[in-house]
């Protein structure tokens, strides 16, 4: 029986957790119905490594940015750098970028500066911005709204686990929310309610592998194949059958990540 096609819209295949295992990891993903994966580069100095993975494996695409928790220790990404990298045919998103005040509130000024550089790159390339937001809901909503009104761009709130208010602010700008393994956790009822209140045509699924493995794999290394477990929870949240929700989230991915949707191995 053929599994419905799903997309892991956010994973980290270059991380040491997968060293020496990528062929098997990608094979298991394909067997689970994961036809495409976006591997996220979190530091520009690692771009060549992430690019090579995307070039080696047809189902893998990649995105590039500086993670907000790394911006103080890394050279500031420039607009010209991001625009140049975005020319690669399998580079399909800008980020992840964003704000993280939980662990790194002391660098919030440089995080905000970096975020605005990434937003301009998304605006100029037409590629979706990939946002990491933690403990920074007010500033995140403010900056996204300000920047959107300076010129439109598209965006996904990756691994969304923030407040209903930030979800509404993002959705009101036409952005997308991505559901990770966190949504499968027993104590995530409030988060599931936030997703249930969102338009289903604005939902993506992801693993954030190797982190945040969904139930019943919680606490283990996550991998793209487990997108299927989060998709099952998403189907239940939206009172849809698995096939319909899988098809909907795949269509949503194609709409947002149009460069990936239009890519051909030929």
C-alpha atoms as a PDB file:
ATOM      1  CA  UNK A   1       0.000   0.000   0.000  1.00  0.00           C
ATOM      2  CA  UNK A   2       1.390   3.416  -0.998  1.00  0.00           C
ATOM      3  CA  UNK A   3       1.559   5.928   1.834  1.00  0.00           C
ATOM      4  CA  UNK A   4       0.125   9.398   1.131  1.00  0.00           C
ATOM      5  CA  UNK A   5       2.831  11.935   0.300  1.00  0.00           C
ATOM      6  CA  UNK A   6       3.838  14.234   3.151  1.00  0.00           C
ATOM      7  CA  UNK A   7       6.578  16.838   3.544  1.00  0.00           C
ATOM      8  CA  UNK A   8       8.994  17.342   6.426  1.00  0.00           C
ATOM      9  CA  UNK A   9       9.227  21.105   6.078  1.00  0.00           C
ATOM     10  CA  UNK A  10      12.014  21.536   8.666  1.00  0.00           C
ATOM     11  CA  UNK A  11      14.823  19.209   9.727  1.00  0.00           C
ATOM     12  CA  UNK A  12      18.591  19.344  10.290  1.00  0.00           C
ATOM     13  CA  UNK A  13      20.173  16.537   8.297  1.00  0.00           C
ATOM     14  CA  UNK A  14      23.686  17.971   8.654  1.00  0.00           C
ATOM     15  CA  UNK A  15      23.712  17.551  12.441  1.00  0.00           C
ATOM     16  CA  UNK A  16      26.129  14.993  13.907  1.00  0.00           C
ATOM     17  CA  UNK A  17      23.184  12.859  15.081  1.00  0.00           C
ATOM     18  CA  UNK A  18      22.801  11.581  11.498  1.00  0.00           C
ATOM     19  CA  UNK A  19      26.471  11.168  10.620  1.00  0.00           C
ATOM     20  CA  UNK A  20      27.009   8.054   8.510  1.00  0.00           C
ATOM     21  CA  UNK A  21      23.299   7.219   8.489  1.00  0.00           C
ATOM     22  CA  UNK A  22      21.751   9.567   5.953  1.00  0.00           C
ATOM     23  CA  UNK A  23      20.998   6.951   3.260  1.00  0.00           C
ATOM     24  CA  UNK A  24      19.046   4.861   5.798  1.00  0.00           C
ATOM     25  CA  UNK A  25      17.366   7.902   7.366  1.00  0.00           C
ATOM     26  CA  UNK A  26      16.158   9.122   3.982  1.00  0.00           C
ATOM     27  CA  UNK A  27      15.078   5.622   2.950  1.00  0.00           C
ATOM     28  CA  UNK A  28      12.955   5.305   6.113  1.00  0.00           C
ATOM     29  CA  UNK A  29      11.442   8.702   5.428  1.00  0.00           C
ATOM     30  CA  UNK A  30      10.506   7.700   1.897  1.00  0.00           C
ATOM     31  CA  UNK A  31       8.962   4.473   3.174  1.00  0.00           C
ATOM     32  CA  UNK A  32       6.848   6.527   5.605  1.00  0.00           C
ATOM     33  CA  UNK A  33       5.562   8.691   2.737  1.00  0.00           C
ATOM     34  CA  UNK A  34       7.899  11.659   3.225  1.00  0.00           C
ATOM     35  CA  UNK A  35       8.599  12.624  -0.359  1.00  0.00           C
ATOM     36  CA  UNK A  36      10.425  15.892   0.405  1.00  0.00           C
ATOM     37  CA  UNK A  37      12.499  17.285   3.275  1.00  0.00           C
ATOM     38  CA  UNK A  38      13.865  20.781   3.861  1.00  0.00           C
ATOM     39  CA  UNK A  39      17.179  20.635   5.727  1.00  0.00           C
ATOM     40  CA  UNK A  40      17.872  23.885   7.547  1.00  0.00           C
ATOM     41  CA  UNK A  41      21.326  25.452   7.697  1.00  0.00           C
ATOM     42  CA  UNK A  42      21.587  27.433  10.952  1.00  0.00           C
ATOM     43  CA  UNK A  43      25.040  28.986  10.390  1.00  0.00           C
ATOM     44  CA  UNK A  44      26.241  30.367   7.069  1.00  0.00           C
ATOM     45  CA  UNK A  45      29.651  28.695   7.488  1.00  0.00           C
ATOM     46  CA  UNK A  46      27.877  25.322   7.250  1.00  0.00           C
ATOM     47  CA  UNK A  47      26.097  26.154   3.993  1.00  0.00           C
ATOM     48  CA  UNK A  48      28.341  24.056   1.754  1.00  0.00           C
ATOM     49  CA  UNK A  49      27.729  20.966   3.896  1.00  0.00           C
ATOM     50  CA  UNK A  50      23.938  21.392   3.831  1.00  0.00           C
ATOM     51  CA  UNK A  51      24.024  22.198   0.115  1.00  0.00           C
ATOM     52  CA  UNK A  52      25.943  18.974  -0.568  1.00  0.00           C
ATOM     53  CA  UNK A  53      23.250  16.922   1.190  1.00  0.00           C
ATOM     54  CA  UNK A  54      20.560  18.537  -0.978  1.00  0.00           C
ATOM     55  CA  UNK A  55      22.619  17.911  -4.097  1.00  0.00           C
ATOM     56  CA  UNK A  56      23.164  14.263  -3.162  1.00  0.00           C
ATOM     57  CA  UNK A  57      19.576  13.296  -2.321  1.00  0.00           C
ATOM     58  CA  UNK A  58      16.718  14.165  -4.675  1.00  0.00           C
ATOM     59  CA  UNK A  59      14.064  14.455  -1.910  1.00  0.00           C
ATOM     60  CA  UNK A  60      16.142  16.973   0.085  1.00  0.00           C
ATOM     61  CA  UNK A  61      15.999  20.752  -0.309  1.00  0.00           C
ATOM     62  CA  UNK A  62      17.629  23.303   1.938  1.00  0.00           C
ATOM     63  CA  UNK A  63      17.261  26.707   3.543  1.00  0.00           C
ATOM     64  CA  UNK A  64      19.930  29.021   4.917  1.00  0.00           C
ATOM     65  CA  UNK A  65      20.082  31.548   7.730  1.00  0.00           C
ATOM     66  CA  UNK A  66      21.676  32.352  11.071  1.00  0.00           C
ATOM     67  CA  UNK A  67      19.804  30.938  14.053  1.00  0.00           C
ATOM     68  CA  UNK A  68      18.952  33.663  16.597  1.00  0.00           C
ATOM     69  CA  UNK A  69      20.785  31.799  19.371  1.00  0.00           C
ATOM     70  CA  UNK A  70      23.966  31.906  17.262  1.00  0.00           C
ATOM     71  CA  UNK A  71      23.943  35.471  15.957  1.00  0.00           C
ATOM     72  CA  UNK A  72      26.200  36.910  18.657  1.00  0.00           C
ATOM     73  CA  UNK A  73      28.886  34.301  17.994  1.00  0.00           C
ATOM     74  CA  UNK A  74      28.653  34.258  14.190  1.00  0.00           C
ATOM     75  CA  UNK A  75      29.417  36.944  11.603  1.00  0.00           C
ATOM     76  CA  UNK A  76      26.262  38.872  10.761  1.00  0.00           C
ATOM     77  CA  UNK A  77      24.698  37.456   7.596  1.00  0.00           C
ATOM     78  CA  UNK A  78      24.586  40.099   4.893  1.00  0.00           C
ATOM     79  CA  UNK A  79      21.828  40.634   2.390  1.00  0.00           C
ATOM     80  CA  UNK A  80      24.267  40.054  -0.485  1.00  0.00           C
ATOM     81  CA  UNK A  81      25.359  36.701   0.991  1.00  0.00           C
ATOM     82  CA  UNK A  82      21.795  35.463   1.324  1.00  0.00           C
ATOM     83  CA  UNK A  83      20.835  36.644  -2.159  1.00  0.00           C
ATOM     84  CA  UNK A  84      23.836  34.865  -3.680  1.00  0.00           C
ATOM     85  CA  UNK A  85      23.163  31.580  -1.857  1.00  0.00           C
ATOM     86  CA  UNK A  86      19.493  31.773  -2.869  1.00  0.00           C
ATOM     87  CA  UNK A  87      20.489  31.342  -6.522  1.00  0.00           C
ATOM     88  CA  UNK A  88      21.084  27.616  -5.935  1.00  0.00           C
ATOM     89  CA  UNK A  89      18.184  25.641  -7.472  1.00  0.00           C
ATOM     90  CA  UNK A  90      17.540  23.625  -4.291  1.00  0.00           C
ATOM     91  CA  UNK A  91      17.863  26.522  -1.825  1.00  0.00           C
ATOM     92  CA  UNK A  92      14.191  27.192  -1.089  1.00  0.00           C
ATOM     93  CA  UNK A  93      13.876  29.272   2.102  1.00  0.00           C
ATOM     94  CA  UNK A  94      15.466  32.039   4.198  1.00  0.00           C
ATOM     95  CA  UNK A  95      16.269  30.996   7.754  1.00  0.00           C
ATOM     96  CA  UNK A  96      15.851  29.835  10.255  1.00  0.00           C
ATOM     97  CA  UNK A  97      15.983  33.266  11.779  1.00  0.00           C
ATOM     98  CA  UNK A  98      13.942  34.913  14.489  1.00  0.00           C
ATOM     99  CA  UNK A  99      14.079  35.785  18.181  1.00  0.00           C
ATOM    100  CA  UNK A 100      14.904  33.643  21.208  1.00  0.00           C
ATOM    101  CA  UNK A 101      14.731  35.442  24.547  1.00  0.00           C
ATOM    102  CA  UNK A 102      14.467  32.226  26.584  1.00  0.00           C
ATOM    103  CA  UNK A 103      18.160  31.423  26.456  1.00  0.00           C
ATOM    104  CA  UNK A 104      19.694  34.457  24.753  1.00  0.00           C
ATOM    105  CA  UNK A 105      17.730  37.553  25.769  1.00  0.00           C
ATOM    106  CA  UNK A 106      21.031  39.369  26.313  1.00  0.00           C
ATOM    107  CA  UNK A 107      21.589  39.408  22.530  1.00  0.00           C
ATOM    108  CA  UNK A 108      18.111  40.587  21.569  1.00  0.00           C
ATOM    109  CA  UNK A 109      19.354  43.728  19.775  1.00  0.00           C
ATOM    110  CA  UNK A 110      21.625  41.795  17.413  1.00  0.00           C
ATOM    111  CA  UNK A 111      18.919  39.140  16.976  1.00  0.00           C
ATOM    112  CA  UNK A 112      16.505  41.826  15.815  1.00  0.00           C
ATOM    113  CA  UNK A 113      19.076  43.291  13.434  1.00  0.00           C
ATOM    114  CA  UNK A 114      19.745  39.849  11.953  1.00  0.00           C
ATOM    115  CA  UNK A 115      16.026  39.127  11.639  1.00  0.00           C
ATOM    116  CA  UNK A 116      15.482  42.290   9.602  1.00  0.00           C
ATOM    117  CA  UNK A 117      18.335  41.342   7.230  1.00  0.00           C
ATOM    118  CA  UNK A 118      16.718  37.941   6.665  1.00  0.00           C
ATOM    119  CA  UNK A 119      13.309  39.529   6.098  1.00  0.00           C
ATOM    120  CA  UNK A 120      14.753  41.739   3.374  1.00  0.00           C
ATOM    121  CA  UNK A 121      16.321  38.674   1.747  1.00  0.00           C
ATOM    122  CA  UNK A 122      12.938  36.917   1.806  1.00  0.00           C
ATOM    123  CA  UNK A 123      11.300  39.997   0.342  1.00  0.00           C
ATOM    124  CA  UNK A 124      13.803  40.296  -2.503  1.00  0.00           C
ATOM    125  CA  UNK A 125      14.033  36.589  -3.379  1.00  0.00           C
ATOM    126  CA  UNK A 126      10.358  35.713  -2.931  1.00  0.00           C
ATOM    127  CA  UNK A 127      11.436  32.737  -0.810  1.00  0.00           C
ATOM    128  CA  UNK A 128       9.600  32.063   2.458  1.00  0.00           C
ATOM    129  CA  UNK A 129      11.059  33.317   5.716  1.00  0.00           C
ATOM    130  CA  UNK A 130      11.473  30.554   8.335  1.00  0.00           C
ATOM    131  CA  UNK A 131      10.920  31.901  11.851  1.00  0.00           C
ATOM    132  CA  UNK A 132      12.109  30.569  15.210  1.00  0.00           C
ATOM    133  CA  UNK A 133      10.263  32.334  18.048  1.00  0.00           C
ATOM    134  CA  UNK A 134      10.665  31.607  21.745  1.00  0.00           C
ATOM    135  CA  UNK A 135       9.729  33.846  24.685  1.00  0.00           C
ATOM    136  CA  UNK A 136       9.636  36.873  22.366  1.00  0.00           C
ATOM    137  CA  UNK A 137       6.030  37.039  21.199  1.00  0.00           C
ATOM    138  CA  UNK A 138       5.561  40.803  21.535  1.00  0.00           C
ATOM    139  CA  UNK A 139       8.692  41.826  19.659  1.00  0.00           C
ATOM    140  CA  UNK A 140       8.158  39.093  17.073  1.00  0.00           C
ATOM    141  CA  UNK A 141       4.628  40.224  16.233  1.00  0.00           C
ATOM    142  CA  UNK A 142       5.741  43.870  16.147  1.00  0.00           C
ATOM    143  CA  UNK A 143       8.713  43.316  13.828  1.00  0.00           C
ATOM    144  CA  UNK A 144       6.862  40.990  11.452  1.00  0.00           C
ATOM    145  CA  UNK A 145       3.972  43.445  11.166  1.00  0.00           C
ATOM    146  CA  UNK A 146       6.233  46.487  10.711  1.00  0.00           C
ATOM    147  CA  UNK A 147       8.323  44.770   8.079  1.00  0.00           C
ATOM    148  CA  UNK A 148       5.345  43.313   6.223  1.00  0.00           C
ATOM    149  CA  UNK A 149       3.854  46.759   5.876  1.00  0.00           C
ATOM    150  CA  UNK A 150       7.186  47.987   4.480  1.00  0.00           C
ATOM    151  CA  UNK A 151       6.903  45.361   1.743  1.00  0.00           C
ATOM    152  CA  UNK A 152       5.195  41.979   1.559  1.00  0.00           C
ATOM    153  CA  UNK A 153       6.978  38.648   2.105  1.00  0.00           C
ATOM    154  CA  UNK A 154       5.908  35.098   2.894  1.00  0.00           C
ATOM    155  CA  UNK A 155       6.684  33.278   6.120  1.00  0.00           C
ATOM    156  CA  UNK A 156       6.262  30.126   8.192  1.00  0.00           C
ATOM    157  CA  UNK A 157       6.339  30.098  11.983  1.00  0.00           C
ATOM    158  CA  UNK A 158       8.460  26.975  12.366  1.00  0.00           C
ATOM    159  CA  UNK A 159       7.764  24.508  15.198  1.00  0.00           C
ATOM    160  CA  UNK A 160       4.981  26.774  16.405  1.00  0.00           C
ATOM    161  CA  UNK A 161       4.489  26.548  20.167  1.00  0.00           C
ATOM    162  CA  UNK A 162       3.917  30.172  21.114  1.00  0.00           C
ATOM    163  CA  UNK A 163       0.785  32.043  22.176  1.00  0.00           C
ATOM    164  CA  UNK A 164      -2.585  32.242  20.478  1.00  0.00           C
ATOM    165  CA  UNK A 165      -1.924  35.967  20.078  1.00  0.00           C
ATOM    166  CA  UNK A 166       1.251  35.410  18.049  1.00  0.00           C
ATOM    167  CA  UNK A 167      -0.523  32.747  15.990  1.00  0.00           C
ATOM    168  CA  UNK A 168      -3.300  35.197  15.146  1.00  0.00           C
ATOM    169  CA  UNK A 169      -0.825  37.986  14.328  1.00  0.00           C
ATOM    170  CA  UNK A 170       1.042  35.669  11.945  1.00  0.00           C
ATOM    171  CA  UNK A 171      -2.114  34.315  10.332  1.00  0.00           C
ATOM    172  CA  UNK A 172      -3.491  37.830   9.871  1.00  0.00           C
ATOM    173  CA  UNK A 173      -0.389  38.616   7.786  1.00  0.00           C
ATOM    174  CA  UNK A 174      -1.065  35.574   5.608  1.00  0.00           C
ATOM    175  CA  UNK A 175       1.698  33.487   7.188  1.00  0.00           C
ATOM    176  CA  UNK A 176       1.761  29.755   7.945  1.00  0.00           C
ATOM    177  CA  UNK A 177       2.077  27.758  11.189  1.00  0.00           C
ATOM    178  CA  UNK A 178       4.151  24.577  11.255  1.00  0.00           C
ATOM    179  CA  UNK A 179       3.160  21.681  13.494  1.00  0.00           C
ATOM    180  CA  UNK A 180       5.978  19.690  15.120  1.00  0.00           C
ATOM    181  CA  UNK A 181       6.131  16.755  17.503  1.00  0.00           C
ATOM    182  CA  UNK A 182       5.288  19.131  20.366  1.00  0.00           C
ATOM    183  CA  UNK A 183       1.673  19.059  19.170  1.00  0.00           C
ATOM    184  CA  UNK A 184       1.543  15.311  19.872  1.00  0.00           C
ATOM    185  CA  UNK A 185       2.577  15.608  23.536  1.00  0.00           C
ATOM    186  CA  UNK A 186      -0.113  14.774  26.092  1.00  0.00           C
ATOM    187  CA  UNK A 187       0.130  18.165  27.824  1.00  0.00           C
ATOM    188  CA  UNK A 188      -0.128  20.156  24.572  1.00  0.00           C
ATOM    189  CA  UNK A 189      -3.912  20.572  24.599  1.00  0.00           C
ATOM    190  CA  UNK A 190      -3.680  24.375  24.476  1.00  0.00           C
ATOM    191  CA  UNK A 191      -1.344  24.197  21.493  1.00  0.00           C
ATOM    192  CA  UNK A 192      -3.640  21.784  19.667  1.00  0.00           C
ATOM    193  CA  UNK A 193      -6.499  24.236  20.233  1.00  0.00           C
ATOM    194  CA  UNK A 194      -4.435  27.037  18.671  1.00  0.00           C
ATOM    195  CA  UNK A 195      -3.864  24.896  15.592  1.00  0.00           C
ATOM    196  CA  UNK A 196      -7.526  23.853  15.458  1.00  0.00           C
ATOM    197  CA  UNK A 197      -8.535  27.525  15.322  1.00  0.00           C
ATOM    198  CA  UNK A 198      -6.241  28.187  12.336  1.00  0.00           C
ATOM    199  CA  UNK A 199      -7.220  27.761   8.675  1.00  0.00           C
ATOM    200  CA  UNK A 200      -6.140  24.281   7.596  1.00  0.00           C
ATOM    201  CA  UNK A 201      -4.774  25.721   4.350  1.00  0.00           C
ATOM    202  CA  UNK A 202      -2.135  27.538   6.425  1.00  0.00           C
ATOM    203  CA  UNK A 203      -0.665  24.493   8.213  1.00  0.00           C
ATOM    204  CA  UNK A 204       2.613  22.667   7.552  1.00  0.00           C
ATOM    205  CA  UNK A 205       4.126  19.661   9.328  1.00  0.00           C
ATOM    206  CA  UNK A 206       7.741  19.141  10.337  1.00  0.00           C
ATOM    207  CA  UNK A 207      10.041  17.180  12.610  1.00  0.00           C
ATOM    208  CA  UNK A 208      12.817  19.649  13.572  1.00  0.00           C
ATOM    209  CA  UNK A 209      14.855  16.417  13.608  1.00  0.00           C
ATOM    210  CA  UNK A 210      16.946  15.402  15.431  1.00  0.00           C
ATOM    211  CA  UNK A 211      14.940  17.234  18.121  1.00  0.00           C
ATOM    212  CA  UNK A 212      11.367  16.945  19.446  1.00  0.00           C
ATOM    213  CA  UNK A 213      10.433  13.407  18.448  1.00  0.00           C
ATOM    214  CA  UNK A 214       6.644  12.984  18.560  1.00  0.00           C
ATOM    215  CA  UNK A 215       4.706  10.545  20.684  1.00  0.00           C
ATOM    216  CA  UNK A 216       5.323   7.620  20.996  1.00  0.00           C
ATOM    217  CA  UNK A 217       9.006   8.278  20.193  1.00  0.00           C
ATOM    218  CA  UNK A 218       9.373  11.208  22.588  1.00  0.00           C
ATOM    219  CA  UNK A 219      12.837  11.357  24.129  1.00  0.00           C
ATOM    220  CA  UNK A 220      14.435   9.464  21.242  1.00  0.00           C
ATOM    221  CA  UNK A 221      16.324  10.894  18.280  1.00  0.00           C
ATOM    222  CA  UNK A 222      13.825  12.371  15.860  1.00  0.00           C
ATOM    223  CA  UNK A 223      14.052  11.758  12.100  1.00  0.00           C
ATOM    224  CA  UNK A 224      12.027  12.756   9.019  1.00  0.00           C
ATOM    225  CA  UNK A 225      10.075   9.465   8.908  1.00  0.00           C
ATOM    226  CA  UNK A 226       8.339  10.546  12.114  1.00  0.00           C
ATOM    227  CA  UNK A 227       6.580  13.345  10.226  1.00  0.00           C
ATOM    228  CA  UNK A 228       3.881  10.706   9.765  1.00  0.00           C
ATOM    229  CA  UNK A 229       3.171  10.657  13.517  1.00  0.00           C
ATOM    230  CA  UNK A 230       2.691  14.418  13.665  1.00  0.00           C
ATOM    231  CA  UNK A 231       0.548  14.250  10.527  1.00  0.00           C
ATOM    232  CA  UNK A 232      -1.705  11.727  12.281  1.00  0.00           C
ATOM    233  CA  UNK A 233      -2.152  14.119  15.214  1.00  0.00           C
ATOM    234  CA  UNK A 234      -2.818  16.985  12.816  1.00  0.00           C
ATOM    235  CA  UNK A 235      -5.508  14.966  11.064  1.00  0.00           C
ATOM    236  CA  UNK A 236      -7.183  14.388  14.439  1.00  0.00           C
ATOM    237  CA  UNK A 237      -6.920  18.079  15.381  1.00  0.00           C
ATOM    238  CA  UNK A 238      -8.702  19.083  12.174  1.00  0.00           C
ATOM    239  CA  UNK A 239     -11.157  16.141  12.210  1.00  0.00           C
ATOM    240  CA  UNK A 240      -9.842  14.933   8.857  1.00  0.00           C
ATOM    241  CA  UNK A 241      -8.694  11.526   7.741  1.00  0.00           C
ATOM    242  CA  UNK A 242      -4.959  11.033   7.386  1.00  0.00           C
ATOM    243  CA  UNK A 243      -4.931  11.035   3.581  1.00  0.00           C
ATOM    244  CA  UNK A 244      -6.878  14.288   3.339  1.00  0.00           C
ATOM    245  CA  UNK A 245      -4.716  16.093   5.890  1.00  0.00           C
ATOM    246  CA  UNK A 246      -1.540  14.789   4.233  1.00  0.00           C
ATOM    247  CA  UNK A 247      -2.748  16.073   0.867  1.00  0.00           C
ATOM    248  CA  UNK A 248      -3.739  19.438   2.353  1.00  0.00           C
ATOM    249  CA  UNK A 249      -0.417  20.049   4.094  1.00  0.00           C
ATOM    250  CA  UNK A 250       1.493  18.974   0.977  1.00  0.00           C
ATOM    251  CA  UNK A 251      -0.518  21.455  -1.093  1.00  0.00           C
ATOM    252  CA  UNK A 252       0.166  24.127   1.520  1.00  0.00           C
ATOM    253  CA  UNK A 253       3.896  23.403   1.299  1.00  0.00           C
ATOM    254  CA  UNK A 254       3.798  23.648  -2.501  1.00  0.00           C
ATOM    255  CA  UNK A 255       2.044  27.007  -2.297  1.00  0.00           C
ATOM    256  CA  UNK A 256       4.534  28.475   0.194  1.00  0.00           C
ATOM    257  CA  UNK A 257       7.708  26.738  -1.020  1.00  0.00           C
ATOM    258  CA  UNK A 258       6.943  27.209  -4.710  1.00  0.00           C
ATOM    259  CA  UNK A 259      10.596  26.890  -5.707  1.00  0.00           C
ATOM    260  CA  UNK A 260      10.704  23.377  -4.240  1.00  0.00           C
ATOM    261  CA  UNK A 261       7.376  22.517  -5.855  1.00  0.00           C
ATOM    262  CA  UNK A 262       8.676  23.593  -9.253  1.00  0.00           C
ATOM    263  CA  UNK A 263      12.075  21.913  -8.974  1.00  0.00           C
ATOM    264  CA  UNK A 264      12.799  19.017 -11.277  1.00  0.00           C
ATOM    265  CA  UNK A 265      15.762  16.643 -11.049  1.00  0.00           C
ATOM    266  CA  UNK A 266      16.100  16.928 -14.804  1.00  0.00           C
END
